[in-house]
Amino acid sequence: MAEGDARRLADLLGLTDDELCEALGATPLDLISGDADSLTAVPILTELLREAEEAAGEKLLRRWVRTGGPAGVPVELLVARNYIGFEDALGALSERGFVIRGGGA
């Protein structure tokens, strides 16, 4: 399990350890040892998510991260290390709020 700031990101977004490793470009050993906390992406993502967490809350962010939006599915963007796309998705969340569209008839 990850510790510190990296663990906080995983908890906030409901990421698995595998997803967290992919998102940060880390290894499981990095997570266990706490070395993932020193990766450049951790403070950047923490800062990006701070305002969203305050506005939406952890529960909504966990749902949002797995829901498709105009910029794509945020967890897929994150795992692909498409941080710009992830930031755009956060921007859409901030502007539009959390929107789920019906797909049925």
PDB file of N, CA and C in Angstrom:
ATOM      1  N   MET A   1       0.830  -1.190   0.000  1.00  0.00           N
ATOM      2  CA  MET A   1       0.000   0.000   0.000  1.00  0.00           C
ATOM      3  C   MET A   1       0.870   1.248   0.000  1.00  0.00           C
ATOM      4  N   ALA A   2       0.350   2.266  -0.649  1.00  0.00           N
ATOM      5  CA  ALA A   2       1.074   3.518  -0.718  1.00  0.00           C
ATOM      6  C   ALA A   2       0.922   4.276   0.601  1.00  0.00           C
ATOM      7  N   GLU A   3       1.862   5.135   0.874  1.00  0.00           N
ATOM      8  CA  GLU A   3       1.842   5.947   2.087  1.00  0.00           C
ATOM      9  C   GLU A   3       1.867   7.421   1.698  1.00  0.00           C
ATOM     10  N   GLY A   4       1.524   8.285   2.609  1.00  0.00           N
ATOM     11  CA  GLY A   4       1.679   9.720   2.432  1.00  0.00           C
ATOM     12  C   GLY A   4       0.815  10.327   1.339  1.00  0.00           C
ATOM     13  N   ASP A   5       1.405  11.270   0.606  1.00  0.00           N
ATOM     14  CA  ASP A   5       0.672  12.034  -0.392  1.00  0.00           C
ATOM     15  C   ASP A   5       0.158  11.169  -1.536  1.00  0.00           C
ATOM     16  N   ALA A   6       0.947  10.205  -1.963  1.00  0.00           N
ATOM     17  CA  ALA A   6       0.502   9.311  -3.037  1.00  0.00           C
ATOM     18  C   ALA A   6      -0.713   8.501  -2.574  1.00  0.00           C
ATOM     19  N   ARG A   7      -0.679   8.018  -1.342  1.00  0.00           N
ATOM     20  CA  ARG A   7      -1.820   7.271  -0.797  1.00  0.00           C
ATOM     21  C   ARG A   7      -3.050   8.168  -0.720  1.00  0.00           C
ATOM     22  N   ARG A   8      -2.851   9.402  -0.359  1.00  0.00           N
ATOM     23  CA  ARG A   8      -3.958  10.361  -0.276  1.00  0.00           C
ATOM     24  C   ARG A   8      -4.622  10.533  -1.642  1.00  0.00           C
ATOM     25  N   LEU A   9      -3.817  10.620  -2.706  1.00  0.00           N
ATOM     26  CA  LEU A   9      -4.373  10.713  -4.058  1.00  0.00           C
ATOM     27  C   LEU A   9      -5.196   9.473  -4.389  1.00  0.00           C
ATOM     28  N   ALA A  10      -4.643   8.305  -4.070  1.00  0.00           N
ATOM     29  CA  ALA A  10      -5.352   7.050  -4.341  1.00  0.00           C
ATOM     30  C   ALA A  10      -6.666   7.003  -3.573  1.00  0.00           C
ATOM     31  N   ASP A  11      -6.648   7.384  -2.314  1.00  0.00           N
ATOM     32  CA  ASP A  11      -7.859   7.379  -1.497  1.00  0.00           C
ATOM     33  C   ASP A  11      -8.885   8.386  -2.003  1.00  0.00           C
ATOM     34  N   LEU A  12      -8.414   9.572  -2.351  1.00  0.00           N
ATOM     35  CA  LEU A  12      -9.310  10.627  -2.812  1.00  0.00           C
ATOM     36  C   LEU A  12     -10.063  10.217  -4.075  1.00  0.00           C
ATOM     37  N   LEU A  13      -9.352   9.561  -4.999  1.00  0.00           N
ATOM     38  CA  LEU A  13      -9.957   9.204  -6.276  1.00  0.00           C
ATOM     39  C   LEU A  13     -10.432   7.755  -6.336  1.00  0.00           C
ATOM     40  N   GLY A  14     -10.193   6.998  -5.281  1.00  0.00           N
ATOM     41  CA  GLY A  14     -10.597   5.598  -5.290  1.00  0.00           C
ATOM     42  C   GLY A  14      -9.781   4.762  -6.258  1.00  0.00           C
ATOM     43  N   LEU A  15      -8.490   5.090  -6.400  1.00  0.00           N
ATOM     44  CA  LEU A  15      -7.619   4.365  -7.321  1.00  0.00           C
ATOM     45  C   LEU A  15      -7.089   3.091  -6.679  1.00  0.00           C
ATOM     46  N   THR A  16      -6.946   2.058  -7.490  1.00  0.00           N
ATOM     47  CA  THR A  16      -6.261   0.858  -7.023  1.00  0.00           C
ATOM     48  C   THR A  16      -4.767   1.157  -7.003  1.00  0.00           C
ATOM     49  N   ASP A  17      -4.004   0.290  -6.340  1.00  0.00           N
ATOM     50  CA  ASP A  17      -2.552   0.477  -6.341  1.00  0.00           C
ATOM     51  C   ASP A  17      -1.991   0.376  -7.755  1.00  0.00           C
ATOM     52  N   ASP A  18      -2.543  -0.505  -8.576  1.00  0.00           N
ATOM     53  CA  ASP A  18      -2.091  -0.618  -9.968  1.00  0.00           C
ATOM     54  C   ASP A  18      -2.358   0.662 -10.743  1.00  0.00           C
ATOM     55  N   GLU A  19      -3.545   1.232 -10.565  1.00  0.00           N
ATOM     56  CA  GLU A  19      -3.871   2.493 -11.235  1.00  0.00           C
ATOM     57  C   GLU A  19      -2.955   3.609 -10.759  1.00  0.00           C
ATOM     58  N   LEU A  20      -2.685   3.644  -9.469  1.00  0.00           N
ATOM     59  CA  LEU A  20      -1.795   4.666  -8.927  1.00  0.00           C
ATOM     60  C   LEU A  20      -0.388   4.527  -9.497  1.00  0.00           C
ATOM     61  N   CYS A  21       0.100   3.301  -9.562  1.00  0.00           N
ATOM     62  CA  CYS A  21       1.434   3.064 -10.151  1.00  0.00           C
ATOM     63  C   CYS A  21       1.485   3.560 -11.590  1.00  0.00           C
ATOM     64  N   GLU A  22       0.475   3.216 -12.372  1.00  0.00           N
ATOM     65  CA  GLU A  22       0.436   3.658 -13.772  1.00  0.00           C
ATOM     66  C   GLU A  22       0.368   5.179 -13.861  1.00  0.00           C
ATOM     67  N   ALA A  23      -0.492   5.780 -13.071  1.00  0.00           N
ATOM     68  CA  ALA A  23      -0.689   7.225 -13.118  1.00  0.00           C
ATOM     69  C   ALA A  23       0.579   7.997 -12.761  1.00  0.00           C
ATOM     70  N   LEU A  24       1.345   7.459 -11.833  1.00  0.00           N
ATOM     71  CA  LEU A  24       2.548   8.152 -11.366  1.00  0.00           C
ATOM     72  C   LEU A  24       3.823   7.676 -12.048  1.00  0.00           C
ATOM     73  N   GLY A  25       3.732   6.577 -12.796  1.00  0.00           N
ATOM     74  CA  GLY A  25       4.948   5.996 -13.368  1.00  0.00           C
ATOM     75  C   GLY A  25       5.810   5.394 -12.280  1.00  0.00           C
ATOM     76  N   ALA A  26       5.155   4.808 -11.286  1.00  0.00           N
ATOM     77  CA  ALA A  26       5.839   4.255 -10.116  1.00  0.00           C
ATOM     78  C   ALA A  26       5.761   2.732 -10.133  1.00  0.00           C
ATOM     79  N   THR A  27       6.546   2.123  -9.283  1.00  0.00           N
ATOM     80  CA  THR A  27       6.507   0.680  -9.095  1.00  0.00           C
ATOM     81  C   THR A  27       5.823   0.384  -7.761  1.00  0.00           C
ATOM     82  N   PRO A  28       5.353  -0.839  -7.580  1.00  0.00           N
ATOM     83  CA  PRO A  28       4.795  -1.185  -6.269  1.00  0.00           C
ATOM     84  C   PRO A  28       5.788  -0.942  -5.134  1.00  0.00           C
ATOM     85  N   LEU A  29       7.062  -1.173  -5.381  1.00  0.00           N
ATOM     86  CA  LEU A  29       8.078  -0.923  -4.363  1.00  0.00           C
ATOM     87  C   LEU A  29       8.143   0.564  -4.008  1.00  0.00           C
ATOM     88  N   ASP A  30       7.976   1.431  -5.011  1.00  0.00           N
ATOM     89  CA  ASP A  30       7.931   2.877  -4.739  1.00  0.00           C
ATOM     90  C   ASP A  30       6.791   3.218  -3.789  1.00  0.00           C
ATOM     91  N   LEU A  31       5.653   2.559  -3.992  1.00  0.00           N
ATOM     92  CA  LEU A  31       4.498   2.813  -3.126  1.00  0.00           C
ATOM     93  C   LEU A  31       4.749   2.322  -1.715  1.00  0.00           C
ATOM     94  N   ILE A  32       5.268   1.109  -1.602  1.00  0.00           N
ATOM     95  CA  ILE A  32       5.517   0.508  -0.285  1.00  0.00           C
ATOM     96  C   ILE A  32       6.545   1.314   0.500  1.00  0.00           C
ATOM     97  N   SER A  33       7.600   1.751  -0.183  1.00  0.00           N
ATOM     98  CA  SER A  33       8.683   2.467   0.498  1.00  0.00           C
ATOM     99  C   SER A  33       8.370   3.935   0.751  1.00  0.00           C
ATOM    100  N   GLY A  34       7.327   4.449   0.111  1.00  0.00           N
ATOM    101  CA  GLY A  34       7.016   5.867   0.244  1.00  0.00           C
ATOM    102  C   GLY A  34       7.746   6.735  -0.756  1.00  0.00           C
ATOM    103  N   ASP A  35       8.569   6.117  -1.616  1.00  0.00           N
ATOM    104  CA  ASP A  35       9.311   6.887  -2.613  1.00  0.00           C
ATOM    105  C   ASP A  35       8.403   7.545  -3.645  1.00  0.00           C
ATOM    106  N   ALA A  36       7.192   7.023  -3.823  1.00  0.00           N
ATOM    107  CA  ALA A  36       6.266   7.614  -4.792  1.00  0.00           C
ATOM    108  C   ALA A  36       5.893   9.041  -4.402  1.00  0.00           C
ATOM    109  N   ASP A  37       5.943   9.356  -3.114  1.00  0.00           N
ATOM    110  CA  ASP A  37       5.602  10.708  -2.661  1.00  0.00           C
ATOM    111  C   ASP A  37       6.532  11.769  -3.241  1.00  0.00           C
ATOM    112  N   SER A  38       7.739  11.374  -3.624  1.00  0.00           N
ATOM    113  CA  SER A  38       8.703  12.343  -4.141  1.00  0.00           C
ATOM    114  C   SER A  38       8.626  12.505  -5.662  1.00  0.00           C
ATOM    115  N   LEU A  39       7.739  11.782  -6.323  1.00  0.00           N
ATOM    116  CA  LEU A  39       7.598  11.915  -7.770  1.00  0.00           C
ATOM    117  C   LEU A  39       6.955  13.256  -8.112  1.00  0.00           C
ATOM    118  N   THR A  40       7.389  13.849  -9.207  1.00  0.00           N
ATOM    119  CA  THR A  40       6.942  15.181  -9.624  1.00  0.00           C
ATOM    120  C   THR A  40       5.427  15.281  -9.751  1.00  0.00           C
ATOM    121  N   ALA A  41       4.779  14.221 -10.221  1.00  0.00           N
ATOM    122  CA  ALA A  41       3.335  14.280 -10.470  1.00  0.00           C
ATOM    123  C   ALA A  41       2.514  14.403  -9.189  1.00  0.00           C
ATOM    124  N   VAL A  42       3.023  13.911  -8.070  1.00  0.00           N
ATOM    125  CA  VAL A  42       2.233  13.875  -6.835  1.00  0.00           C
ATOM    126  C   VAL A  42       1.825  15.273  -6.364  1.00  0.00           C
ATOM    127  N   PRO A  43       2.746  16.219  -6.181  1.00  0.00           N
ATOM    128  CA  PRO A  43       2.295  17.549  -5.731  1.00  0.00           C
ATOM    129  C   PRO A  43       1.466  18.279  -6.782  1.00  0.00           C
ATOM    130  N   ILE A  44       1.730  18.020  -8.051  1.00  0.00           N
ATOM    131  CA  ILE A  44       0.954  18.661  -9.117  1.00  0.00           C
ATOM    132  C   ILE A  44      -0.490  18.172  -9.070  1.00  0.00           C
ATOM    133  N   LEU A  45      -0.668  16.859  -8.999  1.00  0.00           N
ATOM    134  CA  LEU A  45      -2.024  16.301  -8.939  1.00  0.00           C
ATOM    135  C   LEU A  45      -2.729  16.699  -7.649  1.00  0.00           C
ATOM    136  N   THR A  46      -1.987  16.733  -6.558  1.00  0.00           N
ATOM    137  CA  THR A  46      -2.569  17.146  -5.282  1.00  0.00           C
ATOM    138  C   THR A  46      -3.115  18.562  -5.377  1.00  0.00           C
ATOM    139  N   GLU A  47      -2.347  19.450  -5.979  1.00  0.00           N
ATOM    140  CA  GLU A  47      -2.782  20.839  -6.132  1.00  0.00           C
ATOM    141  C   GLU A  47      -3.981  20.937  -7.078  1.00  0.00           C
ATOM    142  N   LEU A  48      -3.936  20.196  -8.190  1.00  0.00           N
ATOM    143  CA  LEU A  48      -5.051  20.216  -9.134  1.00  0.00           C
ATOM    144  C   LEU A  48      -6.356  19.759  -8.472  1.00  0.00           C
ATOM    145  N   LEU A  49      -6.248  18.776  -7.592  1.00  0.00           N
ATOM    146  CA  LEU A  49      -7.432  18.188  -6.985  1.00  0.00           C
ATOM    147  C   LEU A  49      -7.923  18.927  -5.737  1.00  0.00           C
ATOM    148  N   ARG A  50      -7.094  19.802  -5.186  1.00  0.00           N
ATOM    149  CA  ARG A  50      -7.458  20.491  -3.949  1.00  0.00           C
ATOM    150  C   ARG A  50      -8.775  21.261  -4.081  1.00  0.00           C
ATOM    151  N   GLU A  51      -8.882  22.079  -5.101  1.00  0.00           N
ATOM    152  CA  GLU A  51     -10.087  22.879  -5.297  1.00  0.00           C
ATOM    153  C   GLU A  51     -11.294  21.987  -5.605  1.00  0.00           C
ATOM    154  N   ALA A  52     -11.089  20.961  -6.415  1.00  0.00           N
ATOM    155  CA  ALA A  52     -12.197  20.053  -6.749  1.00  0.00           C
ATOM    156  C   ALA A  52     -12.691  19.318  -5.511  1.00  0.00           C
ATOM    157  N   GLU A  53     -11.770  18.926  -4.655  1.00  0.00           N
ATOM    158  CA  GLU A  53     -12.167  18.239  -3.422  1.00  0.00           C
ATOM    159  C   GLU A  53     -12.974  19.167  -2.527  1.00  0.00           C
ATOM    160  N   GLU A  54     -12.550  20.413  -2.402  1.00  0.00           N
ATOM    161  CA  GLU A  54     -13.273  21.374  -1.573  1.00  0.00           C
ATOM    162  C   GLU A  54     -14.668  21.638  -2.122  1.00  0.00           C
ATOM    163  N   ALA A  55     -14.775  21.736  -3.450  1.00  0.00           N
ATOM    164  CA  ALA A  55     -16.058  22.051  -4.070  1.00  0.00           C
ATOM    165  C   ALA A  55     -16.990  20.845  -4.149  1.00  0.00           C
ATOM    166  N   ALA A  56     -16.436  19.691  -4.514  1.00  0.00           N
ATOM    167  CA  ALA A  56     -17.286  18.533  -4.802  1.00  0.00           C
ATOM    168  C   ALA A  56     -17.282  17.488  -3.694  1.00  0.00           C
ATOM    169  N   GLY A  57     -16.183  17.360  -2.997  1.00  0.00           N
ATOM    170  CA  GLY A  57     -16.069  16.333  -1.968  1.00  0.00           C
ATOM    171  C   GLY A  57     -15.510  15.029  -2.517  1.00  0.00           C
ATOM    172  N   GLU A  58     -14.990  14.235  -1.616  1.00  0.00           N
ATOM    173  CA  GLU A  58     -14.326  12.984  -1.982  1.00  0.00           C
ATOM    174  C   GLU A  58     -15.275  11.992  -2.638  1.00  0.00           C
ATOM    175  N   LYS A  59     -16.474  11.882  -2.123  1.00  0.00           N
ATOM    176  CA  LYS A  59     -17.436  10.904  -2.644  1.00  0.00           C
ATOM    177  C   LYS A  59     -17.752  11.179  -4.116  1.00  0.00           C
ATOM    178  N   LEU A  60     -17.988  12.432  -4.455  1.00  0.00           N
ATOM    179  CA  LEU A  60     -18.292  12.798  -5.834  1.00  0.00           C
ATOM    180  C   LEU A  60     -17.073  12.586  -6.732  1.00  0.00           C
ATOM    181  N   LEU A  61     -15.892  12.943  -6.258  1.00  0.00           N
ATOM    182  CA  LEU A  61     -14.684  12.758  -7.068  1.00  0.00           C
ATOM    183  C   LEU A  61     -14.458  11.287  -7.406  1.00  0.00           C
ATOM    184  N   ARG A  62     -14.735  10.410  -6.459  1.00  0.00           N
ATOM    185  CA  ARG A  62     -14.576   8.967  -6.718  1.00  0.00           C
ATOM    186  C   ARG A  62     -15.518   8.493  -7.814  1.00  0.00           C
ATOM    187  N   ARG A  63     -16.694   9.053  -7.870  1.00  0.00           N
ATOM    188  CA  ARG A  63     -17.636   8.683  -8.924  1.00  0.00           C
ATOM    189  C   ARG A  63     -17.261   9.345 -10.243  1.00  0.00           C
ATOM    190  N   TRP A  64     -16.912  10.626 -10.181  1.00  0.00           N
ATOM    191  CA  TRP A  64     -16.546  11.394 -11.370  1.00  0.00           C
ATOM    192  C   TRP A  64     -15.367  10.781 -12.105  1.00  0.00           C
ATOM    193  N   VAL A  65     -14.369  10.308 -11.376  1.00  0.00           N
ATOM    194  CA  VAL A  65     -13.131   9.840 -12.006  1.00  0.00           C
ATOM    195  C   VAL A  65     -13.371   8.640 -12.935  1.00  0.00           C
ATOM    196  N   ARG A  66     -14.496   7.947 -12.751  1.00  0.00           N
ATOM    197  CA  ARG A  66     -14.801   6.772 -13.572  1.00  0.00           C
ATOM    198  C   ARG A  66     -15.963   7.004 -14.537  1.00  0.00           C
ATOM    199  N   THR A  67     -16.383   8.267 -14.654  1.00  0.00           N
ATOM    200  CA  THR A  67     -17.504   8.615 -15.528  1.00  0.00           C
ATOM    201  C   THR A  67     -16.987   9.399 -16.726  1.00  0.00           C
ATOM    202  N   GLY A  68     -17.438   8.994 -17.915  1.00  0.00           N
ATOM    203  CA  GLY A  68     -17.024   9.692 -19.130  1.00  0.00           C
ATOM    204  C   GLY A  68     -17.560  11.105 -19.172  1.00  0.00           C
ATOM    205  N   GLY A  69     -16.758  11.994 -19.692  1.00  0.00           N
ATOM    206  CA  GLY A  69     -17.143  13.390 -19.851  1.00  0.00           C
ATOM    207  C   GLY A  69     -16.600  13.910 -21.163  1.00  0.00           C
ATOM    208  N   PRO A  70     -16.690  15.206 -21.388  1.00  0.00           N
ATOM    209  CA  PRO A  70     -16.230  15.774 -22.658  1.00  0.00           C
ATOM    210  C   PRO A  70     -14.743  15.552 -22.929  1.00  0.00           C
ATOM    211  N   ALA A  71     -13.952  15.412 -21.879  1.00  0.00           N
ATOM    212  CA  ALA A  71     -12.505  15.208 -22.054  1.00  0.00           C
ATOM    213  C   ALA A  71     -12.130  13.725 -22.004  1.00  0.00           C
ATOM    214  N   GLY A  72     -13.108  12.846 -21.778  1.00  0.00           N
ATOM    215  CA  GLY A  72     -12.836  11.419 -21.656  1.00  0.00           C
ATOM    216  C   GLY A  72     -13.123  10.947 -20.237  1.00  0.00           C
ATOM    217  N   VAL A  73     -12.730   9.718 -19.956  1.00  0.00           N
ATOM    218  CA  VAL A  73     -12.894   9.162 -18.607  1.00  0.00           C
ATOM    219  C   VAL A  73     -11.656   9.563 -17.806  1.00  0.00           C
ATOM    220  N   PRO A  74     -11.824  10.364 -16.758  1.00  0.00           N
ATOM    221  CA  PRO A  74     -10.667  10.892 -16.036  1.00  0.00           C
ATOM    222  C   PRO A  74      -9.664   9.840 -15.574  1.00  0.00           C
ATOM    223  N   VAL A  75     -10.111   8.688 -15.070  1.00  0.00           N
ATOM    224  CA  VAL A  75      -9.155   7.677 -14.609  1.00  0.00           C
ATOM    225  C   VAL A  75      -8.322   7.144 -15.778  1.00  0.00           C
ATOM    226  N   GLU A  76      -8.926   7.048 -16.958  1.00  0.00           N
ATOM    227  CA  GLU A  76      -8.169   6.591 -18.128  1.00  0.00           C
ATOM    228  C   GLU A  76      -7.121   7.617 -18.533  1.00  0.00           C
ATOM    229  N   LEU A  77      -7.475   8.887 -18.438  1.00  0.00           N
ATOM    230  CA  LEU A  77      -6.513   9.954 -18.738  1.00  0.00           C
ATOM    231  C   LEU A  77      -5.355   9.912 -17.744  1.00  0.00           C
ATOM    232  N   LEU A  78      -5.685   9.717 -16.496  1.00  0.00           N
ATOM    233  CA  LEU A  78      -4.680   9.692 -15.441  1.00  0.00           C
ATOM    234  C   LEU A  78      -3.737   8.505 -15.603  1.00  0.00           C
ATOM    235  N   VAL A  79      -4.291   7.325 -15.845  1.00  0.00           N
ATOM    236  CA  VAL A  79      -3.480   6.114 -15.998  1.00  0.00           C
ATOM    237  C   VAL A  79      -2.588   6.220 -17.243  1.00  0.00           C
ATOM    238  N   ALA A  80      -3.072   6.920 -18.270  1.00  0.00           N
ATOM    239  CA  ALA A  80      -2.269   7.134 -19.475  1.00  0.00           C
ATOM    240  C   ALA A  80      -1.252   8.259 -19.283  1.00  0.00           C
ATOM    241  N   ARG A  81      -1.240   8.842 -18.086  1.00  0.00           N
ATOM    242  CA  ARG A  81      -0.388   9.986 -17.748  1.00  0.00           C
ATOM    243  C   ARG A  81      -0.633  11.174 -18.663  1.00  0.00           C
ATOM    244  N   ASN A  82      -1.889  11.306 -19.083  1.00  0.00           N
ATOM    245  CA  ASN A  82      -2.317  12.461 -19.862  1.00  0.00           C
ATOM    246  C   ASN A  82      -2.789  13.511 -18.858  1.00  0.00           C
ATOM    247  N   TYR A  83      -1.818  14.144 -18.208  1.00  0.00           N
ATOM    248  CA  TYR A  83      -2.128  15.092 -17.144  1.00  0.00           C
ATOM    249  C   TYR A  83      -2.844  16.335 -17.667  1.00  0.00           C
ATOM    250  N   ILE A  84      -2.552  16.734 -18.898  1.00  0.00           N
ATOM    251  CA  ILE A  84      -3.234  17.883 -19.483  1.00  0.00           C
ATOM    252  C   ILE A  84      -4.704  17.540 -19.709  1.00  0.00           C
ATOM    253  N   GLY A  85      -4.968  16.341 -20.230  1.00  0.00           N
ATOM    254  CA  GLY A  85      -6.349  15.902 -20.403  1.00  0.00           C
ATOM    255  C   GLY A  85      -7.068  15.789 -19.073  1.00  0.00           C
ATOM    256  N   PHE A  86      -6.364  15.289 -18.052  1.00  0.00           N
ATOM    257  CA  PHE A  86      -6.953  15.182 -16.720  1.00  0.00           C
ATOM    258  C   PHE A  86      -7.275  16.573 -16.168  1.00  0.00           C
ATOM    259  N   GLU A  87      -6.370  17.515 -16.371  1.00  0.00           N
ATOM    260  CA  GLU A  87      -6.615  18.890 -15.932  1.00  0.00           C
ATOM    261  C   GLU A  87      -7.809  19.486 -16.668  1.00  0.00           C
ATOM    262  N   ASP A  88      -7.933  19.188 -17.976  1.00  0.00           N
ATOM    263  CA  ASP A  88      -9.086  19.655 -18.740  1.00  0.00           C
ATOM    264  C   ASP A  88     -10.385  19.057 -18.193  1.00  0.00           C
ATOM    265  N   ALA A  89     -10.334  17.769 -17.828  1.00  0.00           N
ATOM    266  CA  ALA A  89     -11.516  17.120 -17.251  1.00  0.00           C
ATOM    267  C   ALA A  89     -11.900  17.776 -15.927  1.00  0.00           C
ATOM    268  N   LEU A  90     -10.898  18.119 -15.108  1.00  0.00           N
ATOM    269  CA  LEU A  90     -11.177  18.833 -13.855  1.00  0.00           C
ATOM    270  C   LEU A  90     -11.772  20.209 -14.135  1.00  0.00           C
ATOM    271  N   GLY A  91     -11.281  20.862 -15.179  1.00  0.00           N
ATOM    272  CA  GLY A  91     -11.832  22.160 -15.565  1.00  0.00           C
ATOM    273  C   GLY A  91     -13.294  22.040 -15.971  1.00  0.00           C
ATOM    274  N   ALA A  92     -13.613  20.987 -16.729  1.00  0.00           N
ATOM    275  CA  ALA A  92     -15.010  20.763 -17.128  1.00  0.00           C
ATOM    276  C   ALA A  92     -15.871  20.487 -15.900  1.00  0.00           C
ATOM    277  N   LEU A  93     -15.341  19.727 -14.949  1.00  0.00           N
ATOM    278  CA  LEU A  93     -16.078  19.469 -13.709  1.00  0.00           C
ATOM    279  C   LEU A  93     -16.349  20.772 -12.976  1.00  0.00           C
ATOM    280  N   SER A  94     -15.353  21.627 -12.925  1.00  0.00           N
ATOM    281  CA  SER A  94     -15.500  22.906 -12.240  1.00  0.00           C
ATOM    282  C   SER A  94     -16.528  23.802 -12.932  1.00  0.00           C
ATOM    283  N   GLU A  95     -16.505  23.821 -14.263  1.00  0.00           N
ATOM    284  CA  GLU A  95     -17.408  24.684 -15.028  1.00  0.00           C
ATOM    285  C   GLU A  95     -18.832  24.151 -15.085  1.00  0.00           C
ATOM    286  N   ARG A  96     -18.980  22.857 -15.343  1.00  0.00           N
ATOM    287  CA  ARG A  96     -20.300  22.279 -15.580  1.00  0.00           C
ATOM    288  C   ARG A  96     -20.894  21.602 -14.363  1.00  0.00           C
ATOM    289  N   GLY A  97     -20.033  21.223 -13.439  1.00  0.00           N
ATOM    290  CA  GLY A  97     -20.495  20.396 -12.339  1.00  0.00           C
ATOM    291  C   GLY A  97     -20.489  18.941 -12.790  1.00  0.00           C
ATOM    292  N   PHE A  98     -20.957  18.082 -11.947  1.00  0.00           N
ATOM    293  CA  PHE A  98     -20.975  16.649 -12.240  1.00  0.00           C
ATOM    294  C   PHE A  98     -22.260  16.332 -12.982  1.00  0.00           C
ATOM    295  N   VAL A  99     -22.142  15.950 -14.244  1.00  0.00           N
ATOM    296  CA  VAL A  99     -23.304  15.687 -15.094  1.00  0.00           C
ATOM    297  C   VAL A  99     -23.268  14.252 -15.559  1.00  0.00           C
ATOM    298  N   ILE A 100     -24.369  13.529 -15.328  1.00  0.00           N
ATOM    299  CA  ILE A 100     -24.504  12.174 -15.862  1.00  0.00           C
ATOM    300  C   ILE A 100     -25.633  12.213 -16.863  1.00  0.00           C
ATOM    301  N   ARG A 101     -25.341  11.794 -18.066  1.00  0.00           N
ATOM    302  CA  ARG A 101     -26.356  11.801 -19.116  1.00  0.00           C
ATOM    303  C   ARG A 101     -26.964  10.423 -19.242  1.00  0.00           C
ATOM    304  N   GLY A 102     -28.256  10.394 -19.437  1.00  0.00           N
ATOM    305  CA  GLY A 102     -28.955   9.128 -19.645  1.00  0.00           C
ATOM    306  C   GLY A 102     -28.640   8.578 -21.025  1.00  0.00           C
ATOM    307  N   GLY A 103     -28.448   7.288 -21.123  1.00  0.00           N
ATOM    308  CA  GLY A 103     -28.155   6.661 -22.406  1.00  0.00           C
ATOM    309  C   GLY A 103     -29.305   5.838 -22.904  1.00  0.00           C
ATOM    310  N   GLY A 104     -30.387   5.769 -22.125  1.00  0.00           N
ATOM    311  CA  GLY A 104     -31.515   4.946 -22.494  1.00  0.00           C
ATOM    312  C   GLY A 104     -32.492   5.654 -23.419  1.00  0.00           C
ATOM    313  N   ALA A 105     -33.504   4.926 -23.837  1.00  0.00           N
ATOM    314  CA  ALA A 105     -34.492   5.449 -24.772  1.00  0.00           C
ATOM    315  C   ALA A 105     -35.477   6.340 -24.136  1.00  0.00           C
TER     316      ALA A 105
END
